[in-house]
Every structure is written in C-alpha cells, then in structure tokens.
Amino acid sequence: MNDDTAWMMSSRSTGNGGSCVEARRCAGLIEVRNSKSPEAGTVRFTTEEWDSFLDGAKKGEFDKLLAG
C-alpha cells in the first residue's frame, strides 16, 4: 500500500510573501520543507516524532520561542 501524499501547505501560510511551510508523508516518514526554497531540503520525522511535536505545539510548549 502506498500512503505517500502530495505536499500540503500550512493553512497559516498566506501565499503573499509570508512564511510558508509544507508537509507530506513519504516512505513512512513526515517531511517538512520551506515552500519558497524546496531545493534547500527537508526535515524528516518518524510518525511518533511528528505526533510528539504536534502535541507539544498544541500545548504551547514552544510559545516561549516567540517572546521577544
């Protein structure tokens, strides 16, 4: 079974010069890239790592990175 998906852009990406993040499932991993520089490469996560990251983001664990 092939569970690969097409690149999906974040709903937070505005498409008008803002930050653009894309993600997809490929070969059992989650890949993330900058849509403005896809040639720069991807960051790859196992599904367990991705689930953990999303859980932390939803809980606000990374909010302190935004504080000036």
Protein backbone atom coordinates (compact mmCIF):
# COMPACT_ATOMS: atom_id res chain seq x y z
CA MET A 1 0.00 0.00 0.00
CA ASN A 2 1.32 3.44 -0.93
CA ASP A 3 0.47 6.00 1.75
CA ASP A 4 2.52 8.84 0.24
CA THR A 5 0.75 12.20 -0.02
CA ALA A 6 1.25 15.38 -2.03
CA TRP A 7 2.84 18.40 -0.37
CA MET A 8 0.29 20.29 1.77
CA MET A 9 0.80 23.95 2.67
CA SER A 10 0.06 25.16 6.15
CA SER A 11 -3.28 26.95 6.48
CA ARG A 12 -1.30 29.68 8.30
CA SER A 13 0.73 30.39 5.16
CA THR A 14 -0.66 33.41 3.44
CA GLY A 15 0.84 32.97 -0.01
CA ASN A 16 1.67 36.69 -0.16
CA GLY A 17 5.24 36.73 0.99
CA GLY A 18 4.73 35.25 4.44
CA SER A 19 6.36 32.17 5.88
CA CYS A 20 5.29 29.07 4.00
CA VAL A 21 5.61 25.58 5.42
CA GLU A 22 4.70 22.41 3.52
CA ALA A 23 4.49 18.86 4.79
CA ARG A 24 3.83 15.43 3.29
CA ARG A 25 4.01 11.75 4.12
CA CYS A 26 6.68 9.96 2.09
CA ALA A 27 8.09 6.47 2.58
CA GLY A 28 6.54 6.22 6.05
CA LEU A 29 8.06 9.49 7.27
CA ILE A 30 6.72 13.03 7.60
CA GLU A 31 8.73 15.55 5.56
CA VAL A 32 8.63 19.30 6.16
CA ARG A 33 10.10 22.00 3.92
CA ASN A 34 10.07 25.71 3.16
CA SER A 35 7.87 26.09 0.09
CA LYS A 36 9.87 29.13 -1.03
CA SER A 37 13.13 27.15 -1.07
CA PRO A 38 12.23 23.49 -1.67
CA GLU A 39 15.70 22.86 -3.10
CA ALA A 40 17.14 23.62 0.35
CA GLY A 41 15.95 20.20 1.51
CA THR A 42 13.56 18.73 4.00
CA VAL A 43 13.42 17.82 7.65
CA ARG A 44 12.19 14.27 8.22
CA PHE A 45 10.32 12.91 11.22
CA THR A 46 9.03 9.49 12.17
CA THR A 47 5.29 9.48 12.77
CA GLU A 48 5.98 9.18 16.51
CA GLU A 49 8.27 12.24 16.44
CA TRP A 50 5.73 14.21 14.40
CA ASP A 51 2.90 13.30 16.77
CA SER A 52 5.05 14.39 19.73
CA PHE A 53 5.92 17.69 18.04
CA LEU A 54 2.28 18.44 17.22
CA ASP A 55 1.23 17.57 20.76
CA GLY A 56 3.84 19.98 22.17
CA ALA A 57 2.79 22.73 19.75
CA LYS A 58 -0.87 22.33 20.70
CA LYS A 59 0.06 22.54 24.39
CA GLY A 60 2.06 25.75 23.86
CA GLU A 61 5.45 24.22 24.69
CA PHE A 62 7.14 26.32 22.00
CA ASP A 63 5.37 29.61 22.70
CA LYS A 64 8.37 30.96 24.64
CA LEU A 65 10.36 30.91 21.38
CA LEU A 66 8.10 33.70 20.10
CA ALA A 67 8.66 36.01 23.07
CA GLY A 68 10.96 38.85 22.12
